[in-house]
Every structure is written in structure tokens, then in C-alpha cells.
């Protein structure tokens, strides 16, 4: 959910930058710019890195006394 929301925001901003670049650059230079830009900020660039960071965060968070649904796992304490 968090990743999807972040990607929606990122895609909105990417679209605006690409529209501006298309208006500002000659067609042949825009094609090259678009390829490089999407390589850096697209599925194989920033989007993949964000997915990895969120997955690592979730692993750490779920591994520290939390169940898969995010609730705190209660530990039984033996009575003496």
C-alpha cells in the first residue's frame, strides 16, 4: 500500500518533468532524455530501489516482536 501510494506520487511528478522536457527539447534530444530519465526514475531505477527499501523496512519491523498483521506478539513469561 505504501509503495503504491509513493509510486503514484512519483509517477505524477515524472509525467510533469517529461511534459516540460518534451516542450523544451528538440525531438531527437527528448527521446534520449526520456530514455535516460525513465532508466533512472522508472521501474528499473528509483521504483525498484523504493520497493527494496520498503521491503527491508517491513522485514525489520515484522522481525521485532510483531506478527505478520503488524500486531505486537505477546511473549509468555513463566511464573516462578
N, C-alpha and C. Protein backbone atom coordinates (compact mmCIF):
# COMPACT_ATOMS: atom_id res chain seq x y z
N UNK A 1 0.82 -1.19 0.00
CA UNK A 1 0.00 0.00 0.00
C UNK A 1 0.86 1.26 0.00
N UNK A 2 1.83 1.29 0.90
CA UNK A 2 2.71 2.45 0.98
C UNK A 2 3.47 2.63 -0.33
N UNK A 3 4.00 1.52 -0.85
CA UNK A 3 4.76 1.59 -2.10
C UNK A 3 3.88 2.11 -3.23
N UNK A 4 2.64 1.60 -3.32
CA UNK A 4 1.75 2.04 -4.39
C UNK A 4 1.47 3.53 -4.30
N UNK A 5 1.24 4.04 -3.10
CA UNK A 5 0.98 5.47 -2.92
C UNK A 5 2.20 6.30 -3.32
N UNK A 6 3.39 5.82 -2.94
CA UNK A 6 4.62 6.54 -3.29
C UNK A 6 4.83 6.54 -4.79
N UNK A 7 4.56 5.42 -5.44
CA UNK A 7 4.76 5.34 -6.89
C UNK A 7 3.77 6.22 -7.64
N UNK A 8 2.56 6.35 -7.13
CA UNK A 8 1.58 7.25 -7.76
C UNK A 8 2.07 8.69 -7.72
N UNK A 9 2.59 9.11 -6.58
CA UNK A 9 3.14 10.47 -6.44
C UNK A 9 4.33 10.64 -7.37
N UNK A 10 5.24 9.67 -7.35
CA UNK A 10 6.43 9.74 -8.20
C UNK A 10 6.04 9.81 -9.68
N UNK A 11 5.06 9.00 -10.09
CA UNK A 11 4.65 8.99 -11.49
C UNK A 11 4.05 10.33 -11.92
N UNK A 12 3.31 10.96 -11.02
CA UNK A 12 2.75 12.28 -11.34
C UNK A 12 3.86 13.28 -11.62
N UNK A 13 4.88 13.28 -10.79
CA UNK A 13 5.99 14.22 -10.96
C UNK A 13 6.84 13.86 -12.19
N UNK A 14 7.03 12.57 -12.44
CA UNK A 14 7.78 12.15 -13.63
C UNK A 14 7.06 12.63 -14.90
N UNK A 15 5.74 12.48 -14.90
CA UNK A 15 4.95 12.90 -16.07
C UNK A 15 5.12 14.39 -16.32
N UNK A 16 5.10 15.19 -15.25
CA UNK A 16 5.26 16.64 -15.40
C UNK A 16 6.64 17.00 -15.95
N UNK A 17 7.67 16.35 -15.44
CA UNK A 17 9.04 16.62 -15.92
C UNK A 17 9.16 16.23 -17.39
N UNK A 18 8.60 15.08 -17.75
CA UNK A 18 8.68 14.65 -19.16
C UNK A 18 7.91 15.58 -20.08
N UNK A 19 6.75 16.07 -19.64
CA UNK A 19 6.00 17.02 -20.46
C UNK A 19 6.79 18.31 -20.67
N UNK A 20 7.42 18.79 -19.62
CA UNK A 20 8.22 20.01 -19.73
C UNK A 20 9.42 19.78 -20.66
N UNK A 21 10.07 18.63 -20.50
CA UNK A 21 11.23 18.32 -21.35
C UNK A 21 10.81 18.21 -22.81
N UNK A 22 9.66 17.63 -23.06
CA UNK A 22 9.20 17.48 -24.44
C UNK A 22 8.95 18.83 -25.09
N UNK A 23 8.45 19.77 -24.31
CA UNK A 23 8.23 21.12 -24.84
C UNK A 23 9.53 21.88 -25.02
N UNK A 24 10.54 21.57 -24.24
CA UNK A 24 11.78 22.34 -24.21
C UNK A 24 12.88 21.81 -25.13
N UNK A 25 12.86 20.52 -25.40
CA UNK A 25 13.96 19.90 -26.15
C UNK A 25 13.56 19.58 -27.58
N UNK A 26 14.51 19.59 -28.49
CA UNK A 26 14.23 19.10 -29.83
C UNK A 26 13.86 17.61 -29.75
N UNK A 27 13.09 17.12 -30.69
CA UNK A 27 12.54 15.76 -30.65
C UNK A 27 13.62 14.69 -30.45
N UNK A 28 14.74 14.79 -31.19
CA UNK A 28 15.78 13.76 -31.08
C UNK A 28 16.43 13.76 -29.70
N UNK A 29 16.59 14.94 -29.10
CA UNK A 29 17.19 15.02 -27.76
C UNK A 29 16.20 14.58 -26.69
N UNK A 30 14.91 14.85 -26.92
CA UNK A 30 13.89 14.42 -25.96
C UNK A 30 13.83 12.90 -25.87
N UNK A 31 13.95 12.22 -26.99
CA UNK A 31 13.92 10.75 -26.99
C UNK A 31 15.04 10.21 -26.11
N UNK A 32 16.23 10.75 -26.25
CA UNK A 32 17.36 10.31 -25.43
C UNK A 32 17.14 10.68 -23.96
N UNK A 33 16.68 11.90 -23.70
CA UNK A 33 16.41 12.32 -22.32
C UNK A 33 15.38 11.41 -21.66
N UNK A 34 14.31 11.11 -22.38
CA UNK A 34 13.24 10.25 -21.84
C UNK A 34 13.79 8.88 -21.47
N UNK A 35 14.62 8.33 -22.34
CA UNK A 35 15.20 7.00 -22.08
C UNK A 35 16.06 7.02 -20.81
N UNK A 36 16.92 8.01 -20.69
CA UNK A 36 17.79 8.11 -19.52
C UNK A 36 16.97 8.41 -18.26
N UNK A 37 16.04 9.33 -18.36
CA UNK A 37 15.20 9.73 -17.22
C UNK A 37 14.41 8.55 -16.68
N UNK A 38 13.76 7.80 -17.57
CA UNK A 38 12.97 6.66 -17.13
C UNK A 38 13.86 5.52 -16.64
N UNK A 39 15.07 5.42 -17.16
CA UNK A 39 16.02 4.44 -16.64
C UNK A 39 16.38 4.73 -15.20
N UNK A 40 16.51 6.00 -14.87
CA UNK A 40 16.87 6.40 -13.51
C UNK A 40 15.67 6.39 -12.55
N UNK A 41 14.52 6.85 -13.01
CA UNK A 41 13.37 7.03 -12.12
C UNK A 41 12.25 6.03 -12.37
N UNK A 42 12.40 5.16 -13.35
CA UNK A 42 11.35 4.21 -13.69
C UNK A 42 11.47 2.90 -12.94
N UNK A 43 10.88 1.84 -13.52
CA UNK A 43 10.79 0.54 -12.86
C UNK A 43 12.15 -0.08 -12.55
N UNK A 44 13.15 0.20 -13.36
CA UNK A 44 14.47 -0.40 -13.13
C UNK A 44 15.40 0.51 -12.34
N UNK A 45 14.91 1.67 -11.94
CA UNK A 45 15.75 2.62 -11.20
C UNK A 45 15.17 2.89 -9.83
N UNK A 46 14.67 4.10 -9.65
CA UNK A 46 14.19 4.54 -8.34
C UNK A 46 13.01 3.70 -7.83
N UNK A 47 12.13 3.28 -8.72
CA UNK A 47 10.98 2.48 -8.27
C UNK A 47 11.44 1.16 -7.65
N UNK A 48 12.41 0.52 -8.26
CA UNK A 48 12.93 -0.74 -7.72
C UNK A 48 13.62 -0.51 -6.38
N UNK A 49 14.36 0.60 -6.28
CA UNK A 49 15.03 0.91 -5.02
C UNK A 49 14.04 1.19 -3.90
N UNK A 50 12.98 1.92 -4.21
CA UNK A 50 11.95 2.18 -3.20
C UNK A 50 11.31 0.88 -2.73
N UNK A 51 11.01 -0.01 -3.67
CA UNK A 51 10.41 -1.31 -3.31
C UNK A 51 11.35 -2.09 -2.40
N UNK A 52 12.65 -2.07 -2.69
CA UNK A 52 13.63 -2.78 -1.87
C UNK A 52 13.71 -2.18 -0.47
N UNK A 53 13.76 -0.86 -0.39
CA UNK A 53 13.85 -0.18 0.91
C UNK A 53 12.63 -0.48 1.77
N UNK A 54 11.45 -0.42 1.18
CA UNK A 54 10.23 -0.70 1.93
C UNK A 54 10.18 -2.16 2.37
N UNK A 55 10.60 -3.07 1.50
CA UNK A 55 10.62 -4.49 1.86
C UNK A 55 11.59 -4.74 3.02
N UNK A 56 12.76 -4.12 2.98
CA UNK A 56 13.72 -4.28 4.08
C UNK A 56 13.18 -3.70 5.38
N UNK A 57 12.53 -2.57 5.29
CA UNK A 57 11.94 -1.95 6.48
C UNK A 57 10.87 -2.86 7.07
N UNK A 58 10.01 -3.40 6.20
CA UNK A 58 8.95 -4.29 6.66
C UNK A 58 9.52 -5.55 7.31
N UNK A 59 10.59 -6.08 6.74
CA UNK A 59 11.22 -7.27 7.33
C UNK A 59 11.74 -6.97 8.73
N UNK A 60 12.41 -5.83 8.88
CA UNK A 60 12.94 -5.46 10.20
C UNK A 60 11.81 -5.23 11.18
N UNK A 61 10.78 -4.56 10.74
CA UNK A 61 9.66 -4.24 11.61
C UNK A 61 8.91 -5.50 12.02
N UNK A 62 8.68 -6.40 11.08
CA UNK A 62 7.97 -7.63 11.40
C UNK A 62 8.83 -8.59 12.20
N UNK A 63 10.12 -8.45 12.12
CA UNK A 63 11.02 -9.35 12.83
C UNK A 63 11.26 -8.94 14.27
N UNK A 64 10.73 -7.81 14.69
CA UNK A 64 10.99 -7.32 16.05
C UNK A 64 9.73 -7.38 16.90
N UNK A 65 9.32 -8.60 17.20
CA UNK A 65 8.20 -8.77 18.12
C UNK A 65 6.85 -8.43 17.55
N UNK A 66 6.70 -8.53 16.24
CA UNK A 66 5.41 -8.23 15.63
C UNK A 66 4.96 -9.42 14.80
N UNK A 67 3.67 -9.60 14.75
CA UNK A 67 3.11 -10.66 13.91
C UNK A 67 3.01 -10.15 12.48
N UNK A 68 2.61 -11.02 11.56
CA UNK A 68 2.54 -10.61 10.15
C UNK A 68 1.53 -9.50 9.92
N UNK A 69 0.47 -9.46 10.74
CA UNK A 69 -0.53 -8.40 10.55
C UNK A 69 -0.16 -7.12 11.30
N UNK A 70 1.07 -7.06 11.86
CA UNK A 70 1.55 -5.83 12.47
C UNK A 70 1.28 -5.70 13.96
N UNK A 71 0.55 -6.64 14.55
CA UNK A 71 0.28 -6.57 15.99
C UNK A 71 1.50 -7.02 16.77
N UNK A 72 1.63 -6.52 17.97
CA UNK A 72 2.74 -6.88 18.83
C UNK A 72 2.55 -8.32 19.31
N UNK A 73 3.56 -9.13 19.16
CA UNK A 73 3.49 -10.52 19.62
C UNK A 73 3.74 -10.57 21.12
N UNK A 74 2.78 -11.08 21.85
CA UNK A 74 2.90 -11.19 23.31
C UNK A 74 3.76 -12.40 23.64
N UNK A 75 4.73 -12.20 24.50
CA UNK A 75 5.58 -13.30 24.93
C UNK A 75 5.11 -13.77 26.29
N UNK A 76 5.00 -15.08 26.40
CA UNK A 76 4.59 -15.63 27.69
C UNK A 76 5.78 -15.59 28.64
N UNK A 77 5.53 -15.15 29.84
CA UNK A 77 6.56 -15.12 30.87
C UNK A 77 6.21 -16.19 31.89
N UNK A 78 7.10 -17.18 32.08
CA UNK A 78 6.78 -18.24 33.04
C UNK A 78 6.77 -17.67 34.47
N UNK A 79 5.79 -18.14 35.22
CA UNK A 79 5.71 -17.70 36.62
C UNK A 79 6.62 -18.54 37.46
N UNK A 80 7.31 -17.91 38.41
CA UNK A 80 8.25 -18.64 39.28
C UNK A 80 7.57 -19.23 40.46
